[in-house]
C-alpha atoms as a PDB file:
ATOM      1  CA  MET A   1      -3.971  26.303  22.115  1.00  0.00           C
ATOM      2  CA  SER A   2      -4.917  25.444  25.645  1.00  0.00           C
ATOM      3  CA  ASN A   3      -2.394  23.968  28.048  1.00  0.00           C
ATOM      4  CA  LEU A   4      -5.322  22.673  30.096  1.00  0.00           C
ATOM      5  CA  ASP A   5      -6.620  20.304  27.404  1.00  0.00           C
ATOM      6  CA  PRO A   6      -5.859  16.774  28.617  1.00  0.00           C
ATOM      7  CA  HIS A   7      -6.962  15.036  25.404  1.00  0.00           C
ATOM      8  CA  ILE A   8      -4.841  13.401  22.759  1.00  0.00           C
ATOM      9  CA  HIS A   9      -5.965  14.621  19.332  1.00  0.00           C
ATOM     10  CA  VAL A  10      -5.557  13.724  15.654  1.00  0.00           C
ATOM     11  CA  VAL A  11      -3.829  16.111  13.259  1.00  0.00           C
ATOM     12  CA  ALA A  12      -6.526  17.389  10.868  1.00  0.00           C
ATOM     13  CA  THR A  13      -4.509  16.254   7.831  1.00  0.00           C
ATOM     14  CA  LEU A  14      -3.944  12.808   9.414  1.00  0.00           C
ATOM     15  CA  GLY A  15      -0.203  13.424   9.512  1.00  0.00           C
ATOM     16  CA  ALA A  16       0.219  14.203   5.823  1.00  0.00           C
ATOM     17  CA  SER A  17       2.667  17.036   6.561  1.00  0.00           C
ATOM     18  CA  ALA A  18       4.858  14.713   8.643  1.00  0.00           C
ATOM     19  CA  ALA A  19       4.807  12.121   5.852  1.00  0.00           C
ATOM     20  CA  THR A  20       5.751  14.807   3.314  1.00  0.00           C
ATOM     21  CA  ARG A  21       8.565  15.976   5.584  1.00  0.00           C
ATOM     22  CA  ASN A  22       9.888  12.416   5.900  1.00  0.00           C
ATOM     23  CA  LEU A  23       9.755  11.912   2.135  1.00  0.00           C
ATOM     24  CA  LEU A  24      11.692  15.125   1.490  1.00  0.00           C
ATOM     25  CA  ALA A  25      14.206  14.250   4.172  1.00  0.00           C
ATOM     26  CA  SER A  26      14.844  10.786   2.742  1.00  0.00           C
ATOM     27  CA  THR A  27      15.008  12.082  -0.830  1.00  0.00           C
ATOM     28  CA  PHE A  28      17.048  15.263  -0.462  1.00  0.00           C
ATOM     29  CA  GLY A  29      18.576  14.986   2.990  1.00  0.00           C
ATOM     30  CA  LEU A  30      16.788  18.169   4.078  1.00  0.00           C
ATOM     31  CA  ALA A  31      14.419  18.248   6.996  1.00  0.00           C
ATOM     32  CA  ALA A  32      12.433  21.135   8.339  1.00  0.00           C
ATOM     33  CA  ASP A  33      11.344  21.202  11.936  1.00  0.00           C
ATOM     34  CA  LEU A  34       7.903  19.845  12.706  1.00  0.00           C
ATOM     35  CA  PRO A  35       5.467  22.507  13.879  1.00  0.00           C
ATOM     36  CA  THR A  36       5.047  22.954  17.608  1.00  0.00           C
ATOM     37  CA  SER A  37       1.271  23.295  17.255  1.00  0.00           C
ATOM     38  CA  VAL A  38      -1.171  21.955  14.683  1.00  0.00           C
ATOM     39  CA  THR A  39      -4.844  22.167  13.806  1.00  0.00           C
ATOM     40  CA  THR A  40      -6.590  19.039  14.989  1.00  0.00           C
ATOM     41  CA  GLY A  41      -9.528  17.099  13.625  1.00  0.00           C
ATOM     42  CA  CYS A  42     -11.836  18.784  16.132  1.00  0.00           C
ATOM     43  CA  GLY A  43     -10.689  22.225  14.971  1.00  0.00           C
ATOM     44  CA  VAL A  44      -8.591  23.325  17.937  1.00  0.00           C
ATOM     45  CA  ARG A  45      -4.891  24.146  17.907  1.00  0.00           C
ATOM     46  CA  ALA A  46      -2.933  21.736  20.039  1.00  0.00           C
ATOM     47  CA  GLY A  47       0.691  20.942  20.609  1.00  0.00           C
ATOM     48  CA  TYR A  48       2.031  18.445  18.088  1.00  0.00           C
ATOM     49  CA  ALA A  49       3.130  16.329  21.052  1.00  0.00           C
ATOM     50  CA  MET A  50      -0.545  16.052  22.103  1.00  0.00           C
ATOM     51  CA  THR A  51      -1.508  14.286  18.852  1.00  0.00           C
ATOM     52  CA  SER A  52      -1.334  10.691  17.731  1.00  0.00           C
ATOM     53  CA  SER A  53      -2.173   8.655  14.664  1.00  0.00           C
ATOM     54  CA  TYR A  54      -2.763   5.536  16.774  1.00  0.00           C
ATOM     55  CA  PRO A  55      -6.511   5.041  17.354  1.00  0.00           C
ATOM     56  CA  GLU A  56      -6.023   3.544  20.799  1.00  0.00           C
ATOM     57  CA  ARG A  57      -4.224   6.688  22.001  1.00  0.00           C
ATOM     58  CA  VAL A  58      -6.652   9.336  20.713  1.00  0.00           C
ATOM     59  CA  THR A  59      -8.988  10.441  23.517  1.00  0.00           C
ATOM     60  CA  CYS A  60     -10.735  13.418  21.850  1.00  0.00           C
ATOM     61  CA  LEU A  61     -14.048  12.042  20.585  1.00  0.00           C
ATOM     62  CA  ALA A  62     -14.455  14.730  17.911  1.00  0.00           C
ATOM     63  CA  CYS A  63     -10.986  13.905  16.575  1.00  0.00           C
ATOM     64  CA  ARG A  64     -11.834  10.187  16.573  1.00  0.00           C
ATOM     65  CA  GLU A  65     -14.958  10.942  14.516  1.00  0.00           C
ATOM     66  CA  HIS A  66     -12.913  13.103  12.125  1.00  0.00           C
ATOM     67  CA  ALA A  67     -10.298  10.364  11.664  1.00  0.00           C
ATOM     68  CA  HIS A  68     -13.045   7.760  11.160  1.00  0.00           C
ATOM     69  CA  ARG A  69     -14.661   9.837   8.382  1.00  0.00           C
ATOM     70  CA  GLU A  70     -11.327  10.671   6.750  1.00  0.00           C
ATOM     71  CA  HIS A  71     -10.171   7.046   6.640  1.00  0.00           C
ATOM     72  CA  LEU A  72     -13.476   6.004   5.071  1.00  0.00           C
ATOM     73  CA  ARG A  73     -13.058   8.823   2.541  1.00  0.00           C
ATOM     74  CA  LEU A  74      -9.517   7.649   1.789  1.00  0.00           C
ATOM     75  CA  ALA A  75     -10.759   4.067   1.262  1.00  0.00           C
ATOM     76  CA  ASP A  76     -13.331   5.326  -1.243  1.00  0.00           C
ATOM     77  CA  GLU A  77     -10.696   7.473  -2.939  1.00  0.00           C
ATOM     78  CA  VAL A  78      -8.291   4.528  -3.298  1.00  0.00           C
ATOM     79  CA  GLU A  79     -11.048   2.436  -4.862  1.00  0.00           C
ATOM     80  CA  ARG A  80     -12.010   5.260  -7.235  1.00  0.00           C
ATOM     81  CA  LEU A  81      -8.414   5.865  -8.303  1.00  0.00           C
ATOM     82  CA  GLY A  82      -7.811   2.124  -8.650  1.00  0.00           C
ATOM     83  CA  ARG A  83     -10.576   1.909 -11.264  1.00  0.00           C
ATOM     84  CA  MET A  84      -9.113   4.694 -13.401  1.00  0.00           C
ATOM     85  CA  PRO A  85      -7.581   3.771 -16.744  1.00  0.00           C
ATOM     86  CA  GLY A  86      -3.806   3.511 -16.671  1.00  0.00           C
ATOM     87  CA  THR A  87      -3.439   2.740 -12.991  1.00  0.00           C
ATOM     88  CA  SER A  88      -0.438   0.597 -12.137  1.00  0.00           C
ATOM     89  CA  LEU A  89      -2.223  -1.155  -9.272  1.00  0.00           C
ATOM     90  CA  ASP A  90      -4.067  -4.411  -9.706  1.00  0.00           C
ATOM     91  CA  SER A  91      -7.508  -4.922  -8.196  1.00  0.00           C
ATOM     92  CA  ASP A  92      -6.134  -7.013  -5.294  1.00  0.00           C
ATOM     93  CA  GLN A  93      -3.753  -4.227  -4.256  1.00  0.00           C
ATOM     94  CA  VAL A  94      -6.542  -1.666  -4.433  1.00  0.00           C
ATOM     95  CA  ALA A  95      -8.871  -3.868  -2.393  1.00  0.00           C
ATOM     96  CA  ARG A  96      -6.196  -4.483   0.269  1.00  0.00           C
ATOM     97  CA  ALA A  97      -5.410  -0.770   0.575  1.00  0.00           C
ATOM     98  CA  ALA A  98      -9.103   0.153   0.860  1.00  0.00           C
ATOM     99  CA  ASP A  99      -9.637  -2.627   3.415  1.00  0.00           C
ATOM    100  CA  GLN A 100      -6.734  -1.311   5.499  1.00  0.00           C
ATOM    101  CA  TYR A 101      -8.212   2.205   5.531  1.00  0.00           C
ATOM    102  CA  ARG A 102     -11.597   0.803   6.538  1.00  0.00           C
ATOM    103  CA  ALA A 103      -9.997  -1.253   9.321  1.00  0.00           C
ATOM    104  CA  ILE A 104      -8.329   1.878  10.704  1.00  0.00           C
ATOM    105  CA  ALA A 105     -11.661   3.722  10.412  1.00  0.00           C
ATOM    106  CA  ARG A 106     -13.305   0.967  12.493  1.00  0.00           C
ATOM    107  CA  GLN A 107     -10.626   1.366  15.152  1.00  0.00           C
ATOM    108  CA  PHE A 108     -11.306   5.105  15.359  1.00  0.00           C
ATOM    109  CA  ALA A 109     -15.052   4.383  15.604  1.00  0.00           C
ATOM    110  CA  GLY A 110     -14.512   2.397  18.807  1.00  0.00           C
ATOM    111  CA  ARG A 111     -13.950   3.868  22.235  1.00  0.00           C
ATOM    112  CA  PRO A 112     -10.420   4.974  23.242  1.00  0.00           C
ATOM    113  CA  GLY A 113      -8.504   2.048  24.703  1.00  0.00           C
ATOM    114  CA  ASP A 114     -10.774  -0.654  23.201  1.00  0.00           C
ATOM    115  CA  ALA A 115      -7.777  -2.359  21.627  1.00  0.00           C
ATOM    116  CA  ASP A 116      -6.131  -2.608  25.058  1.00  0.00           C
ATOM    117  CA  ARG A 117      -9.112  -4.512  26.510  1.00  0.00           C
ATOM    118  CA  ARG A 118      -9.066  -7.344  23.963  1.00  0.00           C
END
């Protein structure tokens, strides 16, 4: 982990560990501390405070590309799971969820700060 890295990164797991932590905390009332450093989408270790899930804040281009690919993968996964027999989601819910992932992927595909210039 370099203290000289000025970039804001994306957590490689797209924040899944934080979401899991929040779920456990709300379910059982137990909460572990978040890690001080994490592996990022570009493969470096960075301080958790130097990461963001907001596309407009992420300045590391490799992390933006990673998040773009992962959100497209998640959209495809939602569609695949939505077609499986026995799913409790209707086709409109599946389509909306996949569309949301693709919209986030498009935001990560743009340049940092693009949303601020609109």
